[in-house]
Every structure is written in structure tokens, then in C-alpha cells.
Amino acid sequence: MAFAGVEVLKGIDLDLFPGEVHGIIGENGAGKSTMGKLIAGVYRPTGGTISINGEPKTLANPRAAMALGVALIHQEPLTFPDLDVAENIFIGRQPVGAGRRVDWKGMQAKAAELLNSLGVHLDPRAKVRGLSVADQQMVELAAALSQNAKVLILDETTASLTPKEVEELFVIVRRLRDQGCAIAFVSHRLNEVFEICNRITVLRDGEKVGERIPSESDVQEIVRMMVGRELASEKFQPANHSAERFMLEVEGLSQGTTFSDITFGVRKGEIVGLAGLVGAGRTDVARAIFGITQPTAGTVKVDGAVVEVKNPKSAMASGLALVPEDRQHHGLLMPVSIAENACLAILRSLSKAGWVNKKQINSRSAEYASRLQVAMRDVSQPVRDLSGGNQQKVVLAKWLMTQPKVLILDEPTRGIDVGAKAEVHRLMRELADSGLAILMISSDLQEVLAVSERVMVMREGKLLKIFEPGTATQENIMLAATGQVAHAG
């Protein structure tokens, strides 16, 4: 398989058997999502064959693949938000009655039957817009089963789910497996792969490097196969920044019922982690600091001066930068080039009389791409063609070009693999060593402990605890996140 002359998959052999969950893993850019899309007819292979039930087939598009019983469930559900659940399940295939009119009651009854077979309690008449990502994925699964899908490709479907939602999804995956479905589980979460998969295929740089049975292998072996090297230790010895001045100070920050009385500081050269369960209000605090939403009370200081952040533009002028949680929708313009994305926040300074200086854009973006070690063809390459880890580096480059004093990172390694995650952590430490103050929001407790000097924990819109260097553990962070600690300190 090749894109623009660049070979991304090279002679891979893969078998999917009924009644089996087969893990497909590898670093970002290894080709695992491409493999899933080839099987589902999204891409056409440039070589090799795809056989279903022993017969070679040409999968011209996803509809042709679906007709043969092959369905792809994406990380970000491809649903129609303004249609209801039943309409999404039967989109383009609505049952009709007398006069060729849609049989709404019949369609809703069939949708309810499909959802019940999955053990999912959703109202077929509910609009999809109000559903969680997990429920939207259930709608997509129901749509696949309504067409008698026997081969399911789950492409990073757990990346946006809470642990409880992952648990519920796995109950359904096991049920479908036991009913004879062949399931490909594309993921970067090794603990989940070992939990749910019967076999694991490891890809690296577009090639298959091996296949393992989970009970006969371990995480360390799989990581070595994925990256082709031993990863550097994630143990972090924090520096003592107690004598450094605060670059970010937040005092009494509140926003209605969303969060209240948030007070903390981040010193120059320090990485402070912000942990908590989903819905604790961490992202809401970051958005308020950066001016995306407006607080109802409290103050924000940058380098000792009170700043009035009315919007992201004034936040940038004050020395703040925010790398958002959802890089594809809020951090990047996916169809345009690396160069245009990287320079987006400083475009005005690279323009004259309304005309953009493309030479400067290419030069500046190439400089930062080299500094952050972005794996790319050149800066004219569309950012959508990059792996998740390299897309994250482009978002970082965009904000570093603004020369911020404070960098807020919201889930900086969400959806990227272990190798790319280690690279992002390395970059964070380099940026902190250069004097940047970093506030990192993360749901990954191992990540929080690996890179943070101090750790703050939020619960239900309140800051419950601040752990000083060396005092935080996964256990006491979770105790605070679940309300076992009564106050900050």
C-alpha cells in the first residue's frame, strides 16, 4: 500500500478467524489504521489480495465491504448528530411501508431489538448529538450488525472512553466474539490488548514484525517489537524550583457551577500535573485561563502581572498557550500543510499588507519541525497524513512559535503510542529546562507521575489536593480524585 509514492504497508499477511479478537498494534505511523481501512474498503490496496471465506474479493469502497460483512468502527464515531439513533442505524436503508413511506415505528422497533442484543439501553428516538462517544460507538455497532457484519474492525475505539465505558465495550466485544464474529482490535493501549485479544500482530514502519499469543508474551516484549529498541526509563528526578518565581498564578478562579475557588501556581521551569476523574472540571479550568470561556470570579497572573484574558488572542498576548485535548478538531486544520498549521498562530507577523510570506512560513515551520523531530516528507505535506504523535508535535510547534511563558497541555499524549509518548515527555522536559512553566492535564496517572514535579487533583469542580514533589502515588491521587481527601494542602 502506498500514498503519494510513499509505501506505508509492505507485504503484510494477516488472518482474522471467527470467534477471535485479533490485536493489531504498533507505533503511530506503523500502518495499523491503514491496515484496518484496507480491510474495510476505505482504501484500495496497491498490491496483494484480500480474501473473505477463502475467496479473493475486491473491496471498492466501504459499502462493498459492508455487503460482504466487513465493518469498521472508528475512534471518532461517524454518526449524523441531528438524526436520531434509529435513523443512524438504518441510514440509507430505512424500511418502507405503504406508499413508499418510511416505516418509522418498524425502524424504531428494529433498532431497539439490535440495541437490546448488544445489552445497550438507548432510546431509538434520541438525537445522537446528546450521546456520549461510547453510546455513539454502540450505534455504529448496531448499524453494522443490522447488515449482518461478521468481520468487525475496531480502530482505536477505546481512546476516548472512560475505564467504565471500556469495561462495558469489552463485555459486548466478548459477546460478539462468542457469537462467531471475527474482530480486529486496532489499539495502542497494551493493557487492553492483553486483556481482550486472543492473538496480537505487531507492525513497525509498515511491516509485520511478528505475531504473539498474549499468554505467551508480555508488555516488555511487545514494546520492544513495536519500537525496535528499549525505551528510556520514565523515572523523573524533579529539580527544585522552590526558589523560582511563579510564571502562572491562579487565585479564586470560579465559573458558576462548573468549578469554584481554584487557586494554584506554576513556577518557571516547573511541570505541574493536574489529575482527576472525567468531569472533574480540569479542561474547564484550562479553557477559562486561556480565555475560551469566561470565569465568574478570580484572577490570573502571568509573570507576576494580573492579566485580563477576554479571549484566546489576549491570552496569547499575555504569554499563555494551550494545546487542546482534541488536536484534530481544535488544534489543527487537517487538510492543510504542516507549514500552514505550524505558523497559524503567528500568521499576522509573517504577513505584509495582507499578503502571506510563504518563504518565511516554510522556513519557520521547517526550523520547528526539525527541532521537534517531526517525521515527515517536507513541510508542504498535509498534516492529516502524519501519525498522531507527529500531529501533536505540529500543534506544539504552533504554540511554541508564539514564544509563550506558560504552556498548558491538555491530555498531550491522548491517542498516541508508547514510543511517541516517550518523545513528547522528552520534549516537555526540554521545554521546562528552557524556562517554560508547564501545566499538564492528564488522565494517565503513570504519565502524571512520570513528568510532574507537583501534582494537583480536582474533583467535582474543586481543587482537592496539591502533592509536593516526591509525595504523590497512584493510590493517593485516586483517593483524592474519589473524594477521600477533604481539602487542598
Protein backbone atom coordinates (compact mmCIF):
# COMPACT_ATOMS: atom_id res chain seq x y z
CA MET A 1 0.00 0.00 0.00
CA ALA A 2 1.43 3.41 -0.99
CA PHE A 3 0.36 7.08 -0.62
CA ALA A 4 1.89 9.67 -2.96
CA GLY A 5 4.61 7.20 -3.85
CA VAL A 6 5.46 6.51 -0.20
CA GLU A 7 5.00 2.87 0.78
CA VAL A 8 3.12 2.63 4.07
CA LEU A 9 2.39 -1.12 4.15
CA LYS A 10 4.80 -3.73 2.83
CA GLY A 11 3.69 -7.29 2.11
CA ILE A 12 1.70 -7.90 5.28
CA ASP A 13 -0.05 -11.24 5.83
CA LEU A 14 -2.91 -11.23 8.35
CA ASP A 15 -5.62 -13.77 9.22
CA LEU A 16 -8.84 -12.97 11.07
CA PHE A 17 -10.73 -16.03 12.34
CA PRO A 18 -14.36 -16.34 13.52
CA GLY A 19 -14.68 -16.32 17.30
CA GLU A 20 -11.40 -14.47 17.81
CA VAL A 21 -10.25 -10.97 18.77
CA HIS A 22 -7.02 -10.20 16.91
CA GLY A 23 -4.96 -7.23 18.13
CA ILE A 24 -3.17 -5.05 15.57
CA ILE A 25 -0.68 -2.79 17.32
CA GLY A 26 2.32 -0.62 16.58
CA GLU A 27 3.64 2.89 17.00
CA ASN A 28 1.76 5.76 15.38
CA GLY A 29 2.70 5.64 11.72
CA ALA A 30 3.33 1.89 11.79
CA GLY A 31 0.36 1.30 9.47
CA LYS A 32 -2.21 -0.27 11.80
CA SER A 33 -5.09 2.11 10.99
CA THR A 34 -4.22 1.89 7.30
CA MET A 35 -4.45 -1.88 7.57
CA GLY A 36 -7.92 -1.61 9.13
CA LYS A 37 -9.09 0.77 6.41
CA LEU A 38 -7.81 -1.56 3.69
CA ILE A 39 -9.78 -4.45 5.16
CA ALA A 40 -12.90 -2.24 5.36
CA GLY A 41 -12.66 -0.91 1.79
CA VAL A 42 -11.80 2.67 2.73
CA TYR A 43 -8.50 2.33 0.82
CA ARG A 44 -7.69 0.17 -2.20
CA PRO A 45 -4.51 -1.91 -1.90
CA THR A 46 -1.75 -1.35 -4.45
CA GLY A 47 -0.67 -4.98 -4.11
CA GLY A 48 -1.72 -8.24 -2.53
CA THR A 49 -5.19 -9.76 -2.06
CA ILE A 50 -8.00 -9.69 0.49
CA SER A 51 -9.97 -12.93 0.80
CA ILE A 52 -13.27 -13.44 2.62
CA ASN A 53 -14.29 -17.01 3.43
CA GLY A 54 -11.38 -18.15 1.29
CA GLU A 55 -12.41 -16.23 -1.83
CA PRO A 56 -10.40 -13.23 -3.15
CA LYS A 57 -12.55 -10.08 -3.13
CA THR A 58 -12.26 -6.55 -4.48
CA LEU A 59 -13.45 -4.07 -1.87
CA ALA A 60 -14.03 -0.95 -3.95
CA ASN A 61 -15.48 1.06 -1.04
CA PRO A 62 -16.90 0.64 2.48
CA ARG A 63 -20.36 -0.13 1.07
CA ALA A 64 -18.92 -3.03 -0.95
CA ALA A 65 -17.07 -4.26 2.14
CA MET A 66 -20.23 -3.99 4.24
CA ALA A 67 -22.15 -6.03 1.67
CA LEU A 68 -19.60 -8.79 2.31
CA GLY A 69 -19.99 -8.50 6.08
CA VAL A 70 -16.99 -6.27 6.90
CA ALA A 71 -17.50 -3.15 9.05
CA LEU A 72 -15.15 -0.51 10.50
CA ILE A 73 -15.89 1.23 13.82
CA HIS A 74 -13.83 4.42 14.08
CA GLN A 75 -12.22 6.11 17.08
CA GLU A 76 -14.34 9.20 16.40
CA PRO A 77 -17.85 7.90 15.53
CA LEU A 78 -19.10 8.80 12.06
CA THR A 79 -22.67 9.50 13.03
CA PHE A 80 -25.22 12.11 11.97
CA PRO A 81 -25.74 14.22 15.11
CA ASP A 82 -29.08 15.75 14.12
CA LEU A 83 -30.69 12.39 13.30
CA ASP A 84 -31.99 10.04 15.95
CA VAL A 85 -30.48 6.69 16.95
CA ALA A 86 -32.77 4.58 14.73
CA GLU A 87 -32.15 6.81 11.70
CA ASN A 88 -28.39 6.50 12.19
CA ILE A 89 -28.59 2.72 12.44
CA PHE A 90 -30.60 2.41 9.21
CA ILE A 91 -29.26 5.43 7.31
CA GLY A 92 -29.78 4.84 3.58
CA ARG A 93 -31.67 1.62 4.32
CA GLN A 94 -34.81 2.85 6.10
CA PRO A 95 -37.63 0.27 6.00
CA VAL A 96 -40.60 1.50 3.95
CA GLY A 97 -44.26 0.68 4.13
CA ALA A 98 -47.34 1.56 2.09
CA GLY A 99 -46.85 4.36 -0.39
CA ARG A 100 -43.04 4.01 -0.11
CA ARG A 101 -43.11 5.98 3.12
CA VAL A 102 -40.59 5.33 5.89
CA ASP A 103 -41.92 2.87 8.45
CA TRP A 104 -40.85 4.87 11.49
CA LYS A 105 -42.36 2.58 14.11
CA GLY A 106 -40.94 -0.52 12.43
CA MET A 107 -37.50 1.09 12.16
CA GLN A 108 -37.51 2.12 15.83
CA ALA A 109 -38.61 -1.36 16.89
CA LYS A 110 -35.79 -2.99 14.87
CA ALA A 111 -33.30 -0.50 16.30
CA ALA A 112 -34.43 -1.28 19.85
CA GLU A 113 -34.07 -5.01 19.14
CA LEU A 114 -30.50 -4.55 17.85
CA LEU A 115 -29.52 -2.37 20.81
CA ASN A 116 -31.02 -4.88 23.26
CA SER A 117 -28.99 -7.66 21.61
CA LEU A 118 -25.89 -5.64 22.48
CA GLY A 119 -27.11 -5.09 26.03
CA VAL A 120 -27.33 -1.33 25.38
CA HIS A 121 -30.15 0.76 26.81
CA LEU A 122 -30.67 3.64 24.37
CA ASP A 123 -33.87 5.29 23.20
CA PRO A 124 -34.08 4.77 19.40
CA ARG A 125 -35.79 8.18 19.17
CA ALA A 126 -33.00 10.08 20.98
CA LYS A 127 -30.91 12.52 18.94
CA VAL A 128 -27.33 11.32 18.55
CA ARG A 129 -25.95 14.80 19.28
CA GLY A 130 -26.60 14.34 23.00
CA LEU A 131 -24.98 10.91 23.27
CA SER A 132 -21.54 10.12 24.69
CA VAL A 133 -18.79 8.85 22.40
CA ALA A 134 -19.29 5.36 23.88
CA ASP A 135 -23.01 5.38 23.06
CA GLN A 136 -22.34 6.66 19.54
CA GLN A 137 -19.98 3.72 19.04
CA MET A 138 -22.78 1.41 20.16
CA VAL A 139 -24.99 3.00 17.48
CA GLU A 140 -22.31 2.26 14.88
CA LEU A 141 -22.01 -1.34 16.13
CA ALA A 142 -25.77 -1.76 15.90
CA ALA A 143 -25.70 -0.38 12.34
CA ALA A 144 -23.01 -2.93 11.42
CA LEU A 145 -24.95 -5.81 12.97
CA SER A 146 -28.11 -4.69 11.15
CA GLN A 147 -26.24 -5.57 7.96
CA ASN A 148 -25.08 -8.96 9.28
CA ALA A 149 -21.45 -7.92 9.75
CA LYS A 150 -19.21 -10.89 10.55
CA VAL A 151 -15.86 -9.06 10.46
CA LEU A 152 -15.53 -6.02 12.74
CA ILE A 153 -12.53 -3.70 12.78
CA LEU A 154 -12.39 -1.59 15.96
CA ASP A 155 -9.97 1.27 15.23
CA GLU A 156 -8.78 2.88 18.49
CA THR A 157 -12.37 2.71 19.77
CA THR A 158 -11.32 2.95 23.43
CA ALA A 159 -9.15 6.08 23.08
CA SER A 160 -11.94 8.47 24.14
CA LEU A 161 -13.67 6.18 26.65
CA THR A 162 -13.60 6.14 30.44
CA PRO A 163 -12.44 2.91 32.17
CA LYS A 164 -16.08 2.01 32.91
CA GLU A 165 -17.07 2.54 29.27
CA VAL A 166 -14.13 0.38 28.14
CA GLU A 167 -15.34 -2.34 30.50
CA GLU A 168 -18.84 -2.17 29.03
CA LEU A 169 -17.48 -2.23 25.47
CA PHE A 170 -15.40 -5.32 26.22
CA VAL A 171 -18.49 -7.15 27.50
CA ILE A 172 -20.07 -6.54 24.08
CA VAL A 173 -16.90 -7.45 22.19
CA ARG A 174 -16.70 -10.78 24.01
CA ARG A 175 -20.38 -11.44 23.31
CA LEU A 176 -19.88 -10.77 19.57
CA ARG A 177 -16.73 -12.93 19.57
CA ASP A 178 -18.64 -15.79 21.17
CA GLN A 179 -21.34 -15.41 18.51
CA GLY A 180 -18.72 -16.09 15.84
CA CYS A 181 -17.61 -12.61 14.74
CA ALA A 182 -14.01 -12.09 13.65
CA ILE A 183 -12.78 -8.93 15.37
CA ALA A 184 -9.67 -6.86 14.63
CA PHE A 185 -8.79 -4.66 17.62
CA VAL A 186 -6.54 -1.79 16.50
CA SER A 187 -5.08 -0.07 19.56
CA HIS A 188 -2.08 1.48 21.30
CA ARG A 189 -3.26 0.57 24.82
CA LEU A 190 -1.26 -2.54 25.59
CA ASN A 191 -3.08 -3.41 28.82
CA GLU A 192 -6.36 -3.55 26.88
CA VAL A 193 -4.79 -5.57 24.07
CA PHE A 194 -3.57 -8.19 26.56
CA GLU A 195 -6.99 -8.25 28.24
CA ILE A 196 -9.23 -8.69 25.20
CA CYS A 197 -7.15 -10.25 22.40
CA ASN A 198 -6.54 -13.91 21.51
CA ARG A 199 -3.64 -13.06 19.18
CA ILE A 200 -1.52 -9.96 18.61
CA THR A 201 0.10 -8.82 15.35
CA VAL A 202 2.80 -6.17 15.74
CA LEU A 203 3.56 -3.69 12.92
CA ARG A 204 6.60 -1.45 12.64
CA ASP A 205 7.31 1.00 9.80
CA GLY A 206 4.66 -0.61 7.62
CA GLU A 207 5.90 -4.16 8.08
CA LYS A 208 4.75 -7.09 10.17
CA VAL A 209 7.47 -7.82 12.71
CA GLY A 210 5.76 -10.67 14.50
CA GLU A 211 2.70 -12.33 15.97
CA ARG A 212 2.26 -13.34 19.59
CA ILE A 213 -0.20 -15.13 21.88
CA PRO A 214 -0.82 -12.83 24.90
CA SER A 215 -0.45 -15.65 27.46
CA GLU A 216 2.95 -16.48 25.99
CA SER A 217 4.30 -12.91 25.88
CA ASP A 218 4.42 -9.75 28.00
CA VAL A 219 4.21 -5.99 27.60
CA GLN A 220 8.00 -5.53 27.57
CA GLU A 221 8.44 -7.91 24.62
CA ILE A 222 5.62 -6.26 22.65
CA VAL A 223 7.07 -2.77 23.27
CA ARG A 224 10.48 -3.94 22.03
CA MET A 225 8.83 -5.31 18.89
CA MET A 226 6.88 -2.08 18.35
CA VAL A 227 9.76 0.37 18.68
CA GLY A 228 12.73 -1.83 17.79
CA ARG A 229 14.60 -0.59 20.84
CA GLU A 230 14.46 -0.34 24.61
CA LEU A 231 12.59 2.76 25.76
CA ALA A 232 14.35 5.12 28.10
CA SER A 233 13.24 4.89 31.70
CA GLU A 234 10.28 7.10 32.57
CA LYS A 235 11.59 7.77 36.06
CA PHE A 236 11.87 11.52 36.54
CA GLN A 237 14.03 13.24 39.12
CA PRO A 238 12.38 16.64 39.58
CA ALA A 239 14.51 19.72 40.01
CA ASN A 240 13.95 22.01 42.97
CA HIS A 241 12.11 25.07 41.66
CA SER A 242 11.01 26.40 45.03
CA ALA A 243 13.26 29.44 44.63
CA GLU A 244 11.94 30.26 41.14
CA ARG A 245 9.27 32.90 40.62
CA PHE A 246 5.73 31.94 39.67
CA MET A 247 5.01 32.32 35.95
CA LEU A 248 1.33 31.38 36.32
CA GLU A 249 -0.77 32.23 39.39
CA VAL A 250 -4.47 31.43 39.59
CA GLU A 251 -6.42 32.70 42.60
CA GLY A 252 -10.05 32.03 43.47
CA LEU A 253 -10.98 31.20 39.87
CA SER A 254 -14.64 30.20 39.59
CA GLN A 255 -17.17 29.59 36.83
CA GLY A 256 -20.74 29.15 38.03
CA THR A 257 -21.41 25.55 39.00
CA THR A 258 -18.63 24.20 36.75
CA PHE A 259 -15.72 24.89 39.13
CA SER A 260 -15.05 27.14 42.11
CA ASP A 261 -12.24 28.73 44.13
CA ILE A 262 -9.34 27.27 42.12
CA THR A 263 -6.03 28.55 43.49
CA PHE A 264 -2.56 27.36 42.44
CA GLY A 265 0.72 28.46 40.86
CA VAL A 266 3.28 27.11 38.38
CA ARG A 267 6.88 28.26 38.66
CA LYS A 268 9.37 28.98 35.90
CA GLY A 269 10.85 25.71 34.64
CA GLU A 270 8.30 23.59 36.52
CA ILE A 271 5.90 20.91 35.24
CA VAL A 272 2.75 20.67 37.36
CA GLY A 273 0.30 17.84 36.72
CA LEU A 274 -3.47 18.28 37.04
CA ALA A 275 -5.23 14.96 37.64
CA GLY A 276 -8.81 13.93 38.35
CA LEU A 277 -11.64 11.80 37.05
CA VAL A 278 -13.54 12.61 33.86
CA GLY A 279 -15.91 15.51 34.58
CA ALA A 280 -13.82 16.90 37.44
CA GLY A 281 -13.52 20.26 35.64
CA ARG A 282 -9.83 20.19 34.65
CA THR A 283 -10.37 21.13 30.99
CA ASP A 284 -12.91 23.78 32.01
CA VAL A 285 -10.26 25.46 34.20
CA ALA A 286 -7.73 25.40 31.35
CA ARG A 287 -10.25 26.91 28.91
CA ALA A 288 -11.10 29.68 31.37
CA ILE A 289 -7.42 30.52 31.95
CA PHE A 290 -6.92 30.73 28.18
CA GLY A 291 -9.99 32.90 27.57
CA ILE A 292 -12.08 30.38 25.62
CA THR A 293 -14.73 30.72 28.33
CA GLN A 294 -15.10 33.46 30.91
CA PRO A 295 -14.73 32.88 34.68
CA THR A 296 -17.27 34.45 37.01
CA ALA A 297 -14.67 35.23 39.70
CA GLY A 298 -10.96 35.09 40.43
CA THR A 299 -7.72 36.39 38.94
CA VAL A 300 -4.97 35.09 36.67
CA LYS A 301 -1.39 36.38 36.82
CA VAL A 302 1.37 35.74 34.27
CA ASP A 303 4.91 36.52 35.41
CA GLY A 304 3.58 38.48 38.37
CA ALA A 305 1.17 40.72 36.45
CA VAL A 306 -2.61 40.38 36.60
CA VAL A 307 -3.96 39.68 33.11
CA GLU A 308 -7.50 40.17 31.84
CA VAL A 309 -7.96 37.32 29.43
CA LYS A 310 -11.07 38.08 27.37
CA ASN A 311 -10.32 35.64 24.56
CA PRO A 312 -7.51 33.40 23.23
CA LYS A 313 -5.97 36.34 21.35
CA SER A 314 -5.47 38.30 24.58
CA ALA A 315 -4.25 35.10 26.30
CA MET A 316 -1.55 34.70 23.66
CA ALA A 317 -0.55 38.34 24.06
CA SER A 318 -0.17 37.69 27.81
CA GLY A 319 2.22 34.80 27.23
CA LEU A 320 -0.20 31.88 27.53
CA ALA A 321 -0.52 28.92 25.15
CA LEU A 322 -2.96 25.99 25.22
CA VAL A 323 -2.52 22.65 23.43
CA PRO A 324 -6.11 21.31 23.42
CA GLU A 325 -7.24 17.78 24.19
CA ASP A 326 -8.73 17.20 20.72
CA ARG A 327 -5.90 18.02 18.33
CA GLN A 328 -7.83 17.05 15.19
CA HIS A 329 -10.82 19.31 15.79
CA HIS A 330 -9.41 22.09 17.98
CA GLY A 331 -5.66 22.07 17.34
CA LEU A 332 -5.14 21.54 13.62
CA LEU A 333 -6.60 22.21 10.18
CA MET A 334 -6.31 18.65 8.95
CA PRO A 335 -6.43 19.16 5.13
CA VAL A 336 -3.76 21.89 5.01
CA SER A 337 0.02 21.65 5.18
CA ILE A 338 2.35 21.23 8.15
CA ALA A 339 3.79 24.68 7.37
CA GLU A 340 0.41 26.44 7.42
CA ASN A 341 -0.65 24.69 10.64
CA ALA A 342 2.62 25.37 12.44
CA CYS A 343 2.51 29.10 11.61
CA LEU A 344 -1.20 29.61 12.14
CA ALA A 345 -0.87 31.43 15.49
CA ILE A 346 1.75 33.89 14.17
CA LEU A 347 0.38 34.36 10.65
CA ARG A 348 -0.08 38.12 11.11
CA SER A 349 3.63 38.58 11.89
CA LEU A 350 4.53 36.69 8.71
CA SER A 351 2.26 38.80 6.51
CA LYS A 352 2.59 42.23 4.93
CA ALA A 353 -0.32 44.27 3.59
CA GLY A 354 -2.48 41.17 3.78
CA TRP A 355 -0.05 39.00 1.79
CA VAL A 356 1.43 35.95 3.47
CA ASN A 357 5.19 35.44 3.10
CA LYS A 358 5.28 31.76 2.11
CA LYS A 359 9.06 31.67 2.17
CA GLN A 360 9.09 32.71 5.83
CA ILE A 361 6.28 30.26 6.68
CA ASN A 362 8.20 27.37 5.13
CA SER A 363 11.45 28.45 6.80
CA ARG A 364 9.98 28.90 10.29
CA SER A 365 7.94 25.70 10.14
CA ALA A 366 10.94 23.69 8.89
CA GLU A 367 13.01 25.07 11.78
CA TYR A 368 10.50 23.97 14.41
CA ALA A 369 9.75 20.66 12.68
CA SER A 370 13.47 19.89 12.83
CA ARG A 371 13.71 20.99 16.47
CA LEU A 372 10.76 18.77 17.47
CA GLN A 373 11.88 15.93 15.18
CA VAL A 374 8.64 15.70 13.20
CA ALA A 375 8.75 12.65 10.91
CA MET A 376 7.54 14.00 7.57
CA ARG A 377 8.25 14.19 3.85
CA ASP A 378 8.52 18.01 3.92
CA VAL A 379 6.55 20.91 5.40
CA SER A 380 4.18 21.01 2.40
CA GLN A 381 2.77 17.59 3.42
CA PRO A 382 -0.87 17.72 4.63
CA VAL A 383 -0.94 17.35 8.41
CA ARG A 384 -3.68 14.68 8.12
CA ASP A 385 -1.08 12.33 6.58
CA LEU A 386 1.03 12.37 9.76
CA SER A 387 0.82 9.91 12.63
CA GLY A 388 -0.91 11.04 15.83
CA GLY A 389 2.38 11.65 17.61
CA ASN A 390 3.72 13.82 14.79
CA GLN A 391 0.44 15.75 14.58
CA GLN A 392 0.84 16.52 18.27
CA LYS A 393 4.34 17.85 17.61
CA VAL A 394 2.92 20.20 14.94
CA VAL A 395 0.40 21.54 17.49
CA LEU A 396 3.29 22.07 19.92
CA ALA A 397 5.29 23.84 17.21
CA LYS A 398 2.35 26.17 16.51
CA TRP A 399 2.21 27.33 20.12
CA LEU A 400 5.95 27.42 20.73
CA MET A 401 6.25 29.88 17.84
CA THR A 402 4.25 32.37 19.94
CA GLN A 403 7.13 32.35 22.48
CA PRO A 404 4.87 31.66 25.48
CA LYS A 405 5.83 31.92 29.13
CA VAL A 406 3.21 29.37 30.21
CA LEU A 407 2.23 26.26 28.26
CA ILE A 408 -0.98 24.41 29.16
CA LEU A 409 -1.11 20.86 27.81
CA ASP A 410 -4.50 19.11 27.90
CA GLU A 411 -4.06 15.31 27.50
CA PRO A 412 -0.83 15.78 25.49
CA THR A 413 -0.39 12.07 24.69
CA ARG A 414 -4.00 11.07 24.11
CA GLY A 415 -4.24 8.62 21.21
CA ILE A 416 -0.50 8.17 20.65
CA ASP A 417 1.64 5.10 21.23
CA VAL A 418 4.33 4.38 23.80
CA GLY A 419 7.24 5.47 21.60
CA ALA A 420 5.63 8.77 20.62
CA LYS A 421 4.54 9.31 24.23
CA ALA A 422 8.15 9.00 25.44
CA GLU A 423 9.16 11.53 22.77
CA VAL A 424 6.51 14.04 23.89
CA HIS A 425 7.64 13.62 27.51
CA ARG A 426 11.23 14.31 26.43
CA LEU A 427 10.10 17.49 24.68
CA MET A 428 8.18 18.62 27.76
CA ARG A 429 11.26 18.27 29.94
CA GLU A 430 13.41 20.15 27.43
CA LEU A 431 10.85 22.97 27.32
CA ALA A 432 10.73 23.14 31.12
CA ASP A 433 14.53 23.16 31.28
CA SER A 434 14.50 26.16 28.91
CA GLY A 435 12.38 28.08 31.45
CA LEU A 436 8.82 27.41 30.31
CA ALA A 437 6.18 26.88 33.02
CA ILE A 438 4.03 23.87 32.09
CA LEU A 439 0.59 22.89 33.40
CA MET A 440 -0.24 19.37 32.19
CA ILE A 441 -3.73 17.88 32.38
CA SER A 442 -3.75 14.10 32.07
CA SER A 443 -5.99 11.14 32.89
CA ASP A 444 -2.99 8.80 32.70
CA LEU A 445 -1.68 8.58 36.27
CA GLN A 446 1.57 6.95 35.17
CA GLU A 447 2.16 9.92 32.87
CA VAL A 448 1.32 12.40 35.63
CA LEU A 449 3.82 10.75 37.97
CA ALA A 450 6.44 10.33 35.25
CA VAL A 451 6.76 14.00 34.27
CA SER A 452 5.24 16.18 37.01
CA GLU A 453 7.12 17.76 39.88
CA ARG A 454 3.97 18.64 41.80
CA VAL A 455 0.56 17.03 41.28
CA MET A 456 -2.82 18.72 41.79
CA VAL A 457 -6.07 16.76 41.97
CA MET A 458 -9.54 18.04 41.12
CA ARG A 459 -12.91 16.54 41.97
CA GLU A 460 -16.35 17.88 41.05
CA GLY A 461 -15.07 21.35 40.20
CA LYS A 462 -12.88 21.79 43.28
CA LEU A 463 -9.13 21.52 43.83
CA LEU A 464 -8.91 18.79 46.47
CA LYS A 465 -5.17 18.29 46.95
CA ILE A 466 -1.73 19.51 45.89
CA PHE A 467 1.04 16.93 46.30
CA GLU A 468 4.53 18.33 46.76
CA PRO A 469 7.50 16.73 44.90
CA GLY A 470 8.01 13.07 45.73
CA THR A 471 4.80 12.63 47.73
CA ALA A 472 2.31 11.58 45.03
CA THR A 473 1.46 7.95 44.23
CA GLN A 474 -1.24 6.43 42.04
CA GLU A 475 -3.05 5.32 45.19
CA ASN A 476 -3.18 8.69 46.96
CA ILE A 477 -4.03 10.53 43.72
CA MET A 478 -7.03 8.21 43.25
CA LEU A 479 -8.03 8.64 46.90
CA ALA A 480 -8.13 12.40 46.36
CA ALA A 481 -9.91 12.07 42.99
CA THR A 482 -12.64 9.97 44.54
CA GLY A 483 -13.22 12.36 47.44
CA GLN A 484 -11.28 10.66 50.20
CA VAL A 485 -9.27 13.85 50.86
CA ALA A 486 -11.33 16.69 52.23
CA HIS A 487 -9.28 19.76 51.32
CA ALA A 488 -6.30 21.05 49.37
CA GLY A 489 -2.91 21.18 51.01
